[in-house]
């Protein structure tokens, strides 16, 4: 068995309005969302397990959340909004080939107008 010694040193007391504290809470919230199984895309988190697949439209709909913790006049506030991400399941090459197939035999004037 290995013994460990941990020494803690008080460096600074953070006020509730301190920007470092807001950053800490945002990082903790981001970590909690990751631990709950949400995927992060940019600043938002999405539940890929609960995605809705629309095969006829070749898209997926991912439910998710936008979260932020900020200081306001009344104190620190947590904002949580629901959002959705639309994901295409077709590649660009498949899309181009589909457009070509639909327009075989048409003149340029028919396509432009």
PDB file of N, CA and C in Angstrom:
ATOM      1  N   UNK A   1       0.843  -1.180   0.000  1.00  0.00           N
ATOM      2  CA  UNK A   1       0.000   0.000   0.000  1.00  0.00           C
ATOM      3  C   UNK A   1       0.886   1.240   0.000  1.00  0.00           C
ATOM      4  N   UNK A   2       0.528   2.208  -0.850  1.00  0.00           N
ATOM      5  CA  UNK A   2       1.308   3.432  -0.984  1.00  0.00           C
ATOM      6  C   UNK A   2       0.581   4.560  -0.274  1.00  0.00           C
ATOM      7  N   UNK A   3       1.297   5.300   0.530  1.00  0.00           N
ATOM      8  CA  UNK A   3       0.719   6.464   1.205  1.00  0.00           C
ATOM      9  C   UNK A   3       0.994   7.713   0.389  1.00  0.00           C
ATOM     10  N   UNK A   4       0.013   8.576   0.343  1.00  0.00           N
ATOM     11  CA  UNK A   4       0.146   9.841  -0.374  1.00  0.00           C
ATOM     12  C   UNK A   4      -0.074  10.982   0.602  1.00  0.00           C
ATOM     13  N   UNK A   5       0.648  12.040   0.396  1.00  0.00           N
ATOM     14  CA  UNK A   5       0.470  13.244   1.198  1.00  0.00           C
ATOM     15  C   UNK A   5      -0.013  14.341   0.254  1.00  0.00           C
ATOM     16  N   UNK A   6      -1.126  14.944   0.593  1.00  0.00           N
ATOM     17  CA  UNK A   6      -1.674  16.027  -0.217  1.00  0.00           C
ATOM     18  C   UNK A   6      -1.644  17.292   0.622  1.00  0.00           C
ATOM     19  N   UNK A   7      -1.034  18.317   0.071  1.00  0.00           N
ATOM     20  CA  UNK A   7      -0.967  19.604   0.766  1.00  0.00           C
ATOM     21  C   UNK A   7      -1.784  20.623  -0.010  1.00  0.00           C
ATOM     22  N   UNK A   8      -2.655  21.311   0.692  1.00  0.00           N
ATOM     23  CA  UNK A   8      -3.476  22.345   0.085  1.00  0.00           C
ATOM     24  C   UNK A   8      -3.035  23.695   0.615  1.00  0.00           C
ATOM     25  N   UNK A   9      -2.996  24.664  -0.279  1.00  0.00           N
ATOM     26  CA  UNK A   9      -2.592  26.002   0.108  1.00  0.00           C
ATOM     27  C   UNK A   9      -3.655  26.987  -0.371  1.00  0.00           C
ATOM     28  N   UNK A  10      -4.158  27.779   0.540  1.00  0.00           N
ATOM     29  CA  UNK A  10      -5.160  28.771   0.175  1.00  0.00           C
ATOM     30  C   UNK A  10      -4.453  29.906  -0.563  1.00  0.00           C
ATOM     31  N   UNK A  11      -4.877  30.122  -1.798  1.00  0.00           N
ATOM     32  CA  UNK A  11      -4.218  31.126  -2.630  1.00  0.00           C
ATOM     33  C   UNK A  11      -5.053  32.402  -2.706  1.00  0.00           C
ATOM     34  N   UNK A  12      -6.361  32.230  -2.922  1.00  0.00           N
ATOM     35  CA  UNK A  12      -7.202  33.398  -3.146  1.00  0.00           C
ATOM     36  C   UNK A  12      -8.655  33.033  -2.856  1.00  0.00           C
ATOM     37  N   UNK A  13      -9.401  33.989  -2.366  1.00  0.00           N
ATOM     38  CA  UNK A  13     -10.835  33.829  -2.181  1.00  0.00           C
ATOM     39  C   UNK A  13     -11.513  34.513  -3.359  1.00  0.00           C
ATOM     40  N   UNK A  14     -12.351  33.772  -4.067  1.00  0.00           N
ATOM     41  CA  UNK A  14     -13.035  34.320  -5.238  1.00  0.00           C
ATOM     42  C   UNK A  14     -14.381  34.899  -4.834  1.00  0.00           C
ATOM     43  N   UNK A  15     -14.649  36.102  -5.296  1.00  0.00           N
ATOM     44  CA  UNK A  15     -15.935  36.748  -5.075  1.00  0.00           C
ATOM     45  C   UNK A  15     -16.949  36.151  -6.060  1.00  0.00           C
ATOM     46  N   UNK A  16     -18.239  36.181  -5.748  1.00  0.00           N
ATOM     47  CA  UNK A  16     -19.247  35.634  -6.658  1.00  0.00           C
ATOM     48  C   UNK A  16     -19.263  36.301  -8.033  1.00  0.00           C
ATOM     49  N   UNK A  17     -18.771  37.512  -8.143  1.00  0.00           N
ATOM     50  CA  UNK A  17     -18.762  38.224  -9.426  1.00  0.00           C
ATOM     51  C   UNK A  17     -17.459  38.041 -10.191  1.00  0.00           C
ATOM     52  N   UNK A  18     -16.546  37.280  -9.665  1.00  0.00           N
ATOM     53  CA  UNK A  18     -15.233  37.089 -10.310  1.00  0.00           C
ATOM     54  C   UNK A  18     -15.384  36.304 -11.613  1.00  0.00           C
ATOM     55  N   UNK A  19     -14.814  36.795 -12.729  1.00  0.00           N
ATOM     56  CA  UNK A  19     -14.911  36.081 -14.012  1.00  0.00           C
ATOM     57  C   UNK A  19     -14.292  34.680 -13.984  1.00  0.00           C
ATOM     58  N   UNK A  20     -13.307  34.468 -13.144  1.00  0.00           N
ATOM     59  CA  UNK A  20     -12.680  33.146 -13.039  1.00  0.00           C
ATOM     60  C   UNK A  20     -13.680  32.130 -12.488  1.00  0.00           C
ATOM     61  N   UNK A  21     -14.525  32.557 -11.573  1.00  0.00           N
ATOM     62  CA  UNK A  21     -15.531  31.671 -10.998  1.00  0.00           C
ATOM     63  C   UNK A  21     -16.577  31.286 -12.044  1.00  0.00           C
ATOM     64  N   UNK A  22     -16.976  32.251 -12.874  1.00  0.00           N
ATOM     65  CA  UNK A  22     -17.923  31.966 -13.956  1.00  0.00           C
ATOM     66  C   UNK A  22     -17.308  30.977 -14.934  1.00  0.00           C
ATOM     67  N   UNK A  23     -16.042  31.157 -15.257  1.00  0.00           N
ATOM     68  CA  UNK A  23     -15.338  30.234 -16.157  1.00  0.00           C
ATOM     69  C   UNK A  23     -15.281  28.835 -15.547  1.00  0.00           C
ATOM     70  N   UNK A  24     -15.002  28.750 -14.250  1.00  0.00           N
ATOM     71  CA  UNK A  24     -14.961  27.457 -13.562  1.00  0.00           C
ATOM     72  C   UNK A  24     -16.313  26.753 -13.642  1.00  0.00           C
ATOM     73  N   UNK A  25     -17.404  27.488 -13.371  1.00  0.00           N
ATOM     74  CA  UNK A  25     -18.736  26.886 -13.419  1.00  0.00           C
ATOM     75  C   UNK A  25     -19.092  26.432 -14.836  1.00  0.00           C
ATOM     76  N   UNK A  26     -18.735  27.214 -15.841  1.00  0.00           N
ATOM     77  CA  UNK A  26     -19.001  26.817 -17.224  1.00  0.00           C
ATOM     78  C   UNK A  26     -18.225  25.554 -17.594  1.00  0.00           C
ATOM     79  N   UNK A  27     -16.971  25.455 -17.154  1.00  0.00           N
ATOM     80  CA  UNK A  27     -16.177  24.252 -17.413  1.00  0.00           C
ATOM     81  C   UNK A  27     -16.774  23.037 -16.691  1.00  0.00           C
ATOM     82  N   UNK A  28     -17.230  23.233 -15.463  1.00  0.00           N
ATOM     83  CA  UNK A  28     -17.848  22.134 -14.712  1.00  0.00           C
ATOM     84  C   UNK A  28     -19.138  21.676 -15.392  1.00  0.00           C
ATOM     85  N   UNK A  29     -19.937  22.622 -15.885  1.00  0.00           N
ATOM     86  CA  UNK A  29     -21.169  22.279 -16.590  1.00  0.00           C
ATOM     87  C   UNK A  29     -20.862  21.529 -17.885  1.00  0.00           C
ATOM     88  N   UNK A  30     -19.855  21.979 -18.618  1.00  0.00           N
ATOM     89  CA  UNK A  30     -19.448  21.315 -19.860  1.00  0.00           C
ATOM     90  C   UNK A  30     -18.998  19.886 -19.570  1.00  0.00           C
ATOM     91  N   UNK A  31     -18.243  19.700 -18.510  1.00  0.00           N
ATOM     92  CA  UNK A  31     -17.776  18.357 -18.122  1.00  0.00           C
ATOM     93  C   UNK A  31     -18.953  17.463 -17.729  1.00  0.00           C
ATOM     94  N   UNK A  32     -19.929  18.022 -17.001  1.00  0.00           N
ATOM     95  CA  UNK A  32     -21.102  17.248 -16.585  1.00  0.00           C
ATOM     96  C   UNK A  32     -21.914  16.797 -17.797  1.00  0.00           C
ATOM     97  N   UNK A  33     -22.072  17.687 -18.782  1.00  0.00           N
ATOM     98  CA  UNK A  33     -22.819  17.319 -19.988  1.00  0.00           C
ATOM     99  C   UNK A  33     -22.106  16.191 -20.741  1.00  0.00           C
ATOM    100  N   UNK A  34     -20.783  16.241 -20.787  1.00  0.00           N
ATOM    101  CA  UNK A  34     -20.003  15.187 -21.443  1.00  0.00           C
ATOM    102  C   UNK A  34     -20.161  13.865 -20.697  1.00  0.00           C
ATOM    103  N   UNK A  35     -20.123  13.908 -19.371  1.00  0.00           N
ATOM    104  CA  UNK A  35     -20.276  12.690 -18.564  1.00  0.00           C
ATOM    105  C   UNK A  35     -21.678  12.084 -18.709  1.00  0.00           C
ATOM    106  N   UNK A  36     -22.676  12.917 -19.011  1.00  0.00           N
ATOM    107  CA  UNK A  36     -24.037  12.414 -19.210  1.00  0.00           C
ATOM    108  C   UNK A  36     -24.221  11.807 -20.596  1.00  0.00           C
ATOM    109  N   UNK A  37     -23.186  11.874 -21.437  1.00  0.00           N
ATOM    110  CA  UNK A  37     -23.249  11.231 -22.742  1.00  0.00           C
ATOM    111  C   UNK A  37     -23.616  12.135 -23.899  1.00  0.00           C
ATOM    112  N   UNK A  38     -23.636  13.428 -23.684  1.00  0.00           N
ATOM    113  CA  UNK A  38     -23.951  14.359 -24.766  1.00  0.00           C
ATOM    114  C   UNK A  38     -22.705  14.638 -25.601  1.00  0.00           C
ATOM    115  N   UNK A  39     -22.904  14.796 -26.903  1.00  0.00           N
ATOM    116  CA  UNK A  39     -21.814  15.115 -27.822  1.00  0.00           C
ATOM    117  C   UNK A  39     -21.739  16.622 -27.983  1.00  0.00           C
ATOM    118  N   UNK A  40     -20.523  17.175 -27.913  1.00  0.00           N
ATOM    119  CA  UNK A  40     -20.367  18.612 -28.065  1.00  0.00           C
ATOM    120  C   UNK A  40     -20.050  18.954 -29.514  1.00  0.00           C
ATOM    121  N   UNK A  41     -20.857  19.850 -30.088  1.00  0.00           N
ATOM    122  CA  UNK A  41     -20.610  20.411 -31.412  1.00  0.00           C
ATOM    123  C   UNK A  41     -20.547  21.918 -31.225  1.00  0.00           C
ATOM    124  N   UNK A  42     -19.378  22.468 -31.434  1.00  0.00           N
ATOM    125  CA  UNK A  42     -19.134  23.883 -31.163  1.00  0.00           C
ATOM    126  C   UNK A  42     -19.428  24.151 -29.691  1.00  0.00           C
ATOM    127  N   UNK A  43     -20.382  25.010 -29.352  1.00  0.00           N
ATOM    128  CA  UNK A  43     -20.664  25.317 -27.950  1.00  0.00           C
ATOM    129  C   UNK A  43     -21.916  24.610 -27.443  1.00  0.00           C
ATOM    130  N   UNK A  44     -22.548  23.801 -28.267  1.00  0.00           N
ATOM    131  CA  UNK A  44     -23.806  23.143 -27.911  1.00  0.00           C
ATOM    132  C   UNK A  44     -23.591  21.656 -27.668  1.00  0.00           C
ATOM    133  N   UNK A  45     -24.529  21.049 -26.929  1.00  0.00           N
ATOM    134  CA  UNK A  45     -24.464  19.622 -26.622  1.00  0.00           C
ATOM    135  C   UNK A  45     -25.690  18.925 -27.187  1.00  0.00           C
ATOM    136  N   UNK A  46     -25.462  17.753 -27.821  1.00  0.00           N
ATOM    137  CA  UNK A  46     -26.545  17.034 -28.480  1.00  0.00           C
ATOM    138  C   UNK A  46     -26.576  15.584 -28.021  1.00  0.00           C
ATOM    139  N   UNK A  47     -27.798  15.040 -27.931  1.00  0.00           N
ATOM    140  CA  UNK A  47     -28.009  13.651 -27.538  1.00  0.00           C
ATOM    141  C   UNK A  47     -28.135  12.813 -28.807  1.00  0.00           C
ATOM    142  N   UNK A  48     -27.034  12.219 -29.237  1.00  0.00           N
ATOM    143  CA  UNK A  48     -27.035  11.434 -30.475  1.00  0.00           C
ATOM    144  C   UNK A  48     -27.819  10.129 -30.326  1.00  0.00           C
ATOM    145  N   UNK A  49     -27.969   9.657 -29.101  1.00  0.00           N
ATOM    146  CA  UNK A  49     -28.732   8.419 -28.872  1.00  0.00           C
ATOM    147  C   UNK A  49     -30.224   8.640 -29.106  1.00  0.00           C
ATOM    148  N   UNK A  50     -30.689   9.859 -28.916  1.00  0.00           N
ATOM    149  CA  UNK A  50     -32.112  10.169 -29.091  1.00  0.00           C
ATOM    150  C   UNK A  50     -32.392  10.791 -30.451  1.00  0.00           C
ATOM    151  N   UNK A  51     -31.494  10.593 -31.391  1.00  0.00           N
ATOM    152  CA  UNK A  51     -31.673  11.207 -32.714  1.00  0.00           C
ATOM    153  C   UNK A  51     -32.880  10.608 -33.430  1.00  0.00           C
ATOM    154  N   UNK A  52     -33.516  11.436 -34.236  1.00  0.00           N
ATOM    155  CA  UNK A  52     -34.667  11.023 -35.033  1.00  0.00           C
ATOM    156  C   UNK A  52     -34.204  10.938 -36.476  1.00  0.00           C
ATOM    157  N   UNK A  53     -34.322   9.753 -37.061  1.00  0.00           N
ATOM    158  CA  UNK A  53     -33.869   9.544 -38.437  1.00  0.00           C
ATOM    159  C   UNK A  53     -35.060   9.678 -39.386  1.00  0.00           C
ATOM    160  N   UNK A  54     -34.946  10.565 -40.352  1.00  0.00           N
ATOM    161  CA  UNK A  54     -35.975  10.749 -41.370  1.00  0.00           C
ATOM    162  C   UNK A  54     -35.395  10.243 -42.682  1.00  0.00           C
ATOM    163  N   UNK A  55     -35.580   8.951 -42.918  1.00  0.00           N
ATOM    164  CA  UNK A  55     -34.967   8.285 -44.075  1.00  0.00           C
ATOM    165  C   UNK A  55     -35.451   8.868 -45.399  1.00  0.00           C
ATOM    166  N   UNK A  56     -36.745   9.216 -45.484  1.00  0.00           N
ATOM    167  CA  UNK A  56     -37.280   9.725 -46.754  1.00  0.00           C
ATOM    168  C   UNK A  56     -36.636  11.057 -47.125  1.00  0.00           C
ATOM    169  N   UNK A  57     -36.204  11.847 -46.132  1.00  0.00           N
ATOM    170  CA  UNK A  57     -35.562  13.128 -46.402  1.00  0.00           C
ATOM    171  C   UNK A  57     -34.042  13.063 -46.306  1.00  0.00           C
ATOM    172  N   UNK A  58     -33.514  11.900 -45.923  1.00  0.00           N
ATOM    173  CA  UNK A  58     -32.073  11.682 -45.786  1.00  0.00           C
ATOM    174  C   UNK A  58     -31.440  12.650 -44.776  1.00  0.00           C
ATOM    175  N   UNK A  59     -32.116  12.828 -43.643  1.00  0.00           N
ATOM    176  CA  UNK A  59     -31.581  13.683 -42.583  1.00  0.00           C
ATOM    177  C   UNK A  59     -31.785  13.027 -41.225  1.00  0.00           C
ATOM    178  N   UNK A  60     -31.028  13.514 -40.246  1.00  0.00           N
ATOM    179  CA  UNK A  60     -31.209  13.137 -38.848  1.00  0.00           C
ATOM    180  C   UNK A  60     -31.442  14.409 -38.053  1.00  0.00           C
ATOM    181  N   UNK A  61     -32.268  14.315 -37.025  1.00  0.00           N
ATOM    182  CA  UNK A  61     -32.552  15.433 -36.151  1.00  0.00           C
ATOM    183  C   UNK A  61     -32.021  15.096 -34.771  1.00  0.00           C
ATOM    184  N   UNK A  62     -31.055  15.877 -34.288  1.00  0.00           N
ATOM    185  CA  UNK A  62     -30.450  15.643 -32.984  1.00  0.00           C
ATOM    186  C   UNK A  62     -30.993  16.652 -31.982  1.00  0.00           C
ATOM    187  N   UNK A  63     -31.639  16.197 -30.893  1.00  0.00           N
ATOM    188  CA  UNK A  63     -32.061  17.124 -29.841  1.00  0.00           C
ATOM    189  C   UNK A  63     -30.861  17.503 -28.974  1.00  0.00           C
ATOM    190  N   UNK A  64     -30.878  18.720 -28.445  1.00  0.00           N
ATOM    191  CA  UNK A  64     -29.751  19.134 -27.628  1.00  0.00           C
ATOM    192  C   UNK A  64     -30.043  20.356 -26.782  1.00  0.00           C
ATOM    193  N   UNK A  65     -28.960  20.905 -26.199  1.00  0.00           N
ATOM    194  CA  UNK A  65     -29.059  22.035 -25.279  1.00  0.00           C
ATOM    195  C   UNK A  65     -27.960  23.054 -25.555  1.00  0.00           C
ATOM    196  N   UNK A  66     -28.325  24.315 -25.339  1.00  0.00           N
ATOM    197  CA  UNK A  66     -27.356  25.415 -25.313  1.00  0.00           C
ATOM    198  C   UNK A  66     -27.308  25.847 -23.856  1.00  0.00           C
ATOM    199  N   UNK A  67     -26.115  25.862 -23.256  1.00  0.00           N
ATOM    200  CA  UNK A  67     -26.002  26.215 -21.844  1.00  0.00           C
ATOM    201  C   UNK A  67     -25.017  27.362 -21.664  1.00  0.00           C
ATOM    202  N   UNK A  68     -25.272  28.193 -20.666  1.00  0.00           N
ATOM    203  CA  UNK A  68     -24.356  29.288 -20.341  1.00  0.00           C
ATOM    204  C   UNK A  68     -24.596  29.720 -18.900  1.00  0.00           C
ATOM    205  N   UNK A  69     -23.519  30.042 -18.224  1.00  0.00           N
ATOM    206  CA  UNK A  69     -23.592  30.606 -16.881  1.00  0.00           C
ATOM    207  C   UNK A  69     -22.949  31.987 -16.964  1.00  0.00           C
ATOM    208  N   UNK A  70     -23.689  33.011 -16.491  1.00  0.00           N
ATOM    209  CA  UNK A  70     -23.202  34.385 -16.581  1.00  0.00           C
ATOM    210  C   UNK A  70     -23.598  35.167 -15.336  1.00  0.00           C
ATOM    211  N   UNK A  71     -22.859  36.248 -15.097  1.00  0.00           N
ATOM    212  CA  UNK A  71     -23.222  37.175 -14.030  1.00  0.00           C
ATOM    213  C   UNK A  71     -24.233  38.178 -14.571  1.00  0.00           C
ATOM    214  N   UNK A  72     -25.299  38.389 -13.800  1.00  0.00           N
ATOM    215  CA  UNK A  72     -26.308  39.381 -14.133  1.00  0.00           C
ATOM    216  C   UNK A  72     -26.530  40.254 -12.911  1.00  0.00           C
ATOM    217  N   UNK A  73     -27.404  41.229 -13.031  1.00  0.00           N
ATOM    218  CA  UNK A  73     -27.645  42.155 -11.919  1.00  0.00           C
ATOM    219  C   UNK A  73     -28.088  41.449 -10.650  1.00  0.00           C
ATOM    220  N   UNK A  74     -28.916  40.423 -10.796  1.00  0.00           N
ATOM    221  CA  UNK A  74     -29.433  39.708  -9.637  1.00  0.00           C
ATOM    222  C   UNK A  74     -28.509  38.620  -9.119  1.00  0.00           C
ATOM    223  N   UNK A  75     -27.385  38.409  -9.764  1.00  0.00           N
ATOM    224  CA  UNK A  75     -26.439  37.375  -9.369  1.00  0.00           C
ATOM    225  C   UNK A  75     -26.115  36.465 -10.542  1.00  0.00           C
ATOM    226  N   UNK A  76     -25.546  35.328 -10.244  1.00  0.00           N
ATOM    227  CA  UNK A  76     -25.155  34.382 -11.282  1.00  0.00           C
ATOM    228  C   UNK A  76     -26.390  33.632 -11.775  1.00  0.00           C
ATOM    229  N   UNK A  77     -26.495  33.487 -13.105  1.00  0.00           N
ATOM    230  CA  UNK A  77     -27.659  32.820 -13.678  1.00  0.00           C
ATOM    231  C   UNK A  77     -27.229  31.731 -14.644  1.00  0.00           C
ATOM    232  N   UNK A  78     -27.982  30.649 -14.653  1.00  0.00           N
ATOM    233  CA  UNK A  78     -27.781  29.540 -15.577  1.00  0.00           C
ATOM    234  C   UNK A  78     -28.860  29.613 -16.639  1.00  0.00           C
ATOM    235  N   UNK A  79     -28.447  29.645 -17.899  1.00  0.00           N
ATOM    236  CA  UNK A  79     -29.382  29.661 -19.021  1.00  0.00           C
ATOM    237  C   UNK A  79     -29.270  28.313 -19.735  1.00  0.00           C
ATOM    238  N   UNK A  80     -30.407  27.636 -19.896  1.00  0.00           N
ATOM    239  CA  UNK A  80     -30.455  26.367 -20.625  1.00  0.00           C
ATOM    240  C   UNK A  80     -31.575  26.471 -21.652  1.00  0.00           C
ATOM    241  N   UNK A  81     -31.222  26.341 -22.924  1.00  0.00           N
ATOM    242  CA  UNK A  81     -32.207  26.398 -23.997  1.00  0.00           C
ATOM    243  C   UNK A  81     -32.159  25.091 -24.778  1.00  0.00           C
ATOM    244  N   UNK A  82     -33.302  24.656 -25.231  1.00  0.00           N
ATOM    245  CA  UNK A  82     -33.329  23.465 -26.084  1.00  0.00           C
ATOM    246  C   UNK A  82     -33.051  23.880 -27.521  1.00  0.00           C
ATOM    247  N   UNK A  83     -32.406  23.002 -28.237  1.00  0.00           N
ATOM    248  CA  UNK A  83     -32.075  23.257 -29.638  1.00  0.00           C
ATOM    249  C   UNK A  83     -32.087  21.930 -30.381  1.00  0.00           C
ATOM    250  N   UNK A  84     -32.032  22.000 -31.681  1.00  0.00           N
ATOM    251  CA  UNK A  84     -31.956  20.798 -32.512  1.00  0.00           C
ATOM    252  C   UNK A  84     -30.945  21.031 -33.619  1.00  0.00           C
ATOM    253  N   UNK A  85     -30.294  19.988 -34.036  1.00  0.00           N
ATOM    254  CA  UNK A  85     -29.314  20.041 -35.126  1.00  0.00           C
ATOM    255  C   UNK A  85     -29.814  19.134 -36.239  1.00  0.00           C
ATOM    256  N   UNK A  86     -29.855  19.678 -37.441  1.00  0.00           N
ATOM    257  CA  UNK A  86     -30.257  18.890 -38.607  1.00  0.00           C
ATOM    258  C   UNK A  86     -28.989  18.424 -39.306  1.00  0.00           C
ATOM    259  N   UNK A  87     -28.847  17.110 -39.453  1.00  0.00           N
ATOM    260  CA  UNK A  87     -27.663  16.507 -40.054  1.00  0.00           C
ATOM    261  C   UNK A  87     -28.072  15.790 -41.330  1.00  0.00           C
ATOM    262  N   UNK A  88     -27.434  16.128 -42.429  1.00  0.00           N
ATOM    263  CA  UNK A  88     -27.679  15.404 -43.684  1.00  0.00           C
ATOM    264  C   UNK A  88     -26.953  14.058 -43.631  1.00  0.00           C
ATOM    265  N   UNK A  89     -27.627  13.018 -44.118  1.00  0.00           N
ATOM    266  CA  UNK A  89     -26.996  11.699 -44.128  1.00  0.00           C
ATOM    267  C   UNK A  89     -26.452  11.350 -45.516  1.00  0.00           C
ATOM    268  N   UNK A  90     -26.716  12.207 -46.497  1.00  0.00           N
ATOM    269  CA  UNK A  90     -26.179  11.999 -47.851  1.00  0.00           C
ATOM    270  C   UNK A  90     -24.899  12.803 -48.001  1.00  0.00           C
ATOM    271  N   UNK A  91     -23.977  12.263 -48.772  1.00  0.00           N
ATOM    272  CA  UNK A  91     -22.755  12.991 -49.067  1.00  0.00           C
ATOM    273  C   UNK A  91     -23.004  13.992 -50.190  1.00  0.00           C
ATOM    274  N   UNK A  92     -22.098  14.911 -50.366  1.00  0.00           N
ATOM    275  CA  UNK A  92     -22.227  15.898 -51.431  1.00  0.00           C
ATOM    276  C   UNK A  92     -22.183  15.218 -52.802  1.00  0.00           C
ATOM    277  N   UNK A  93     -21.361  14.197 -52.939  1.00  0.00           N
ATOM    278  CA  UNK A  93     -21.271  13.468 -54.210  1.00  0.00           C
ATOM    279  C   UNK A  93     -22.615  12.809 -54.546  1.00  0.00           C
ATOM    280  N   UNK A  94     -23.272  12.209 -53.555  1.00  0.00           N
ATOM    281  CA  UNK A  94     -24.587  11.617 -53.781  1.00  0.00           C
ATOM    282  C   UNK A  94     -25.603  12.680 -54.202  1.00  0.00           C
ATOM    283  N   UNK A  95     -25.533  13.837 -53.598  1.00  0.00           N
ATOM    284  CA  UNK A  95     -26.447  14.937 -53.940  1.00  0.00           C
ATOM    285  C   UNK A  95     -26.222  15.415 -55.375  1.00  0.00           C
ATOM    286  N   UNK A  96     -24.956  15.584 -55.769  1.00  0.00           N
ATOM    287  CA  UNK A  96     -24.625  16.020 -57.133  1.00  0.00           C
ATOM    288  C   UNK A  96     -25.102  14.992 -58.153  1.00  0.00           C
ATOM    289  N   UNK A  97     -24.864  13.722 -57.890  1.00  0.00           N
ATOM    290  CA  UNK A  97     -25.302  12.667 -58.807  1.00  0.00           C
ATOM    291  C   UNK A  97     -26.824  12.624 -58.924  1.00  0.00           C
ATOM    292  N   UNK A  98     -27.533  12.876 -57.837  1.00  0.00           N
ATOM    293  CA  UNK A  98     -28.990  12.911 -57.860  1.00  0.00           C
ATOM    294  C   UNK A  98     -29.498  14.076 -58.710  1.00  0.00           C
ATOM    295  N   UNK A  99     -28.886  15.236 -58.597  1.00  0.00           N
ATOM    296  CA  UNK A  99     -29.277  16.401 -59.397  1.00  0.00           C
ATOM    297  C   UNK A  99     -29.005  16.141 -60.873  1.00  0.00           C
ATOM    298  N   UNK A 100     -27.849  15.537 -61.159  1.00  0.00           N
ATOM    299  CA  UNK A 100     -27.513  15.201 -62.551  1.00  0.00           C
ATOM    300  C   UNK A 100     -28.538  14.237 -63.138  1.00  0.00           C
ATOM    301  N   UNK A 101     -28.918  13.214 -62.374  1.00  0.00           N
ATOM    302  CA  UNK A 101     -29.862  12.196 -62.856  1.00  0.00           C
ATOM    303  C   UNK A 101     -31.243  12.796 -63.127  1.00  0.00           C
ATOM    304  N   UNK A 102     -31.665  13.747 -62.298  1.00  0.00           N
ATOM    305  CA  UNK A 102     -32.980  14.379 -62.494  1.00  0.00           C
ATOM    306  C   UNK A 102     -33.002  15.306 -63.706  1.00  0.00           C
ATOM    307  N   UNK A 103     -31.841  15.796 -64.116  1.00  0.00           N
ATOM    308  CA  UNK A 103     -31.794  16.821 -65.165  1.00  0.00           C
ATOM    309  C   UNK A 103     -31.134  16.355 -66.456  1.00  0.00           C
ATOM    310  N   UNK A 104     -31.030  15.063 -66.676  1.00  0.00           N
ATOM    311  CA  UNK A 104     -30.441  14.547 -67.920  1.00  0.00           C
ATOM    312  C   UNK A 104     -31.337  14.946 -69.093  1.00  0.00           C
ATOM    313  N   UNK A 105     -30.730  15.484 -70.135  1.00  0.00           N
ATOM    314  CA  UNK A 105     -31.459  15.850 -71.340  1.00  0.00           C
ATOM    315  C   UNK A 105     -32.034  17.255 -71.336  1.00  0.00           C
ATOM    316  N   UNK A 106     -31.917  17.977 -70.227  1.00  0.00           N
ATOM    317  CA  UNK A 106     -32.440  19.343 -70.181  1.00  0.00           C
ATOM    318  C   UNK A 106     -31.374  20.312 -70.677  1.00  0.00           C
ATOM    319  N   UNK A 107     -31.820  21.375 -71.342  1.00  0.00           N
ATOM    320  CA  UNK A 107     -30.869  22.389 -71.842  1.00  0.00           C
ATOM    321  C   UNK A 107     -30.489  23.330 -70.703  1.00  0.00           C
ATOM    322  N   UNK A 108     -29.437  24.120 -70.928  1.00  0.00           N
ATOM    323  CA  UNK A 108     -28.998  25.076 -69.928  1.00  0.00           C
ATOM    324  C   UNK A 108     -30.074  26.119 -69.656  1.00  0.00           C
ATOM    325  N   UNK A 109     -30.809  26.512 -70.687  1.00  0.00           N
ATOM    326  CA  UNK A 109     -31.873  27.514 -70.515  1.00  0.00           C
ATOM    327  C   UNK A 109     -32.974  26.984 -69.620  1.00  0.00           C
ATOM    328  N   UNK A 110     -33.311  25.717 -69.718  1.00  0.00           N
ATOM    329  CA  UNK A 110     -34.346  25.123 -68.856  1.00  0.00           C
ATOM    330  C   UNK A 110     -33.884  25.065 -67.408  1.00  0.00           C
ATOM    331  N   UNK A 111     -32.600  24.792 -67.187  1.00  0.00           N
ATOM    332  CA  UNK A 111     -32.067  24.673 -65.834  1.00  0.00           C
ATOM    333  C   UNK A 111     -31.946  26.017 -65.160  1.00  0.00           C
ATOM    334  N   UNK A 112     -31.593  27.071 -65.907  1.00  0.00           N
ATOM    335  CA  UNK A 112     -31.388  28.393 -65.328  1.00  0.00           C
ATOM    336  C   UNK A 112     -32.711  29.062 -64.989  1.00  0.00           C
ATOM    337  N   UNK A 113     -33.721  28.883 -65.807  1.00  0.00           N
ATOM    338  CA  UNK A 113     -34.993  29.586 -65.583  1.00  0.00           C
ATOM    339  C   UNK A 113     -35.833  28.950 -64.504  1.00  0.00           C
TER     340      UNK A 113
END
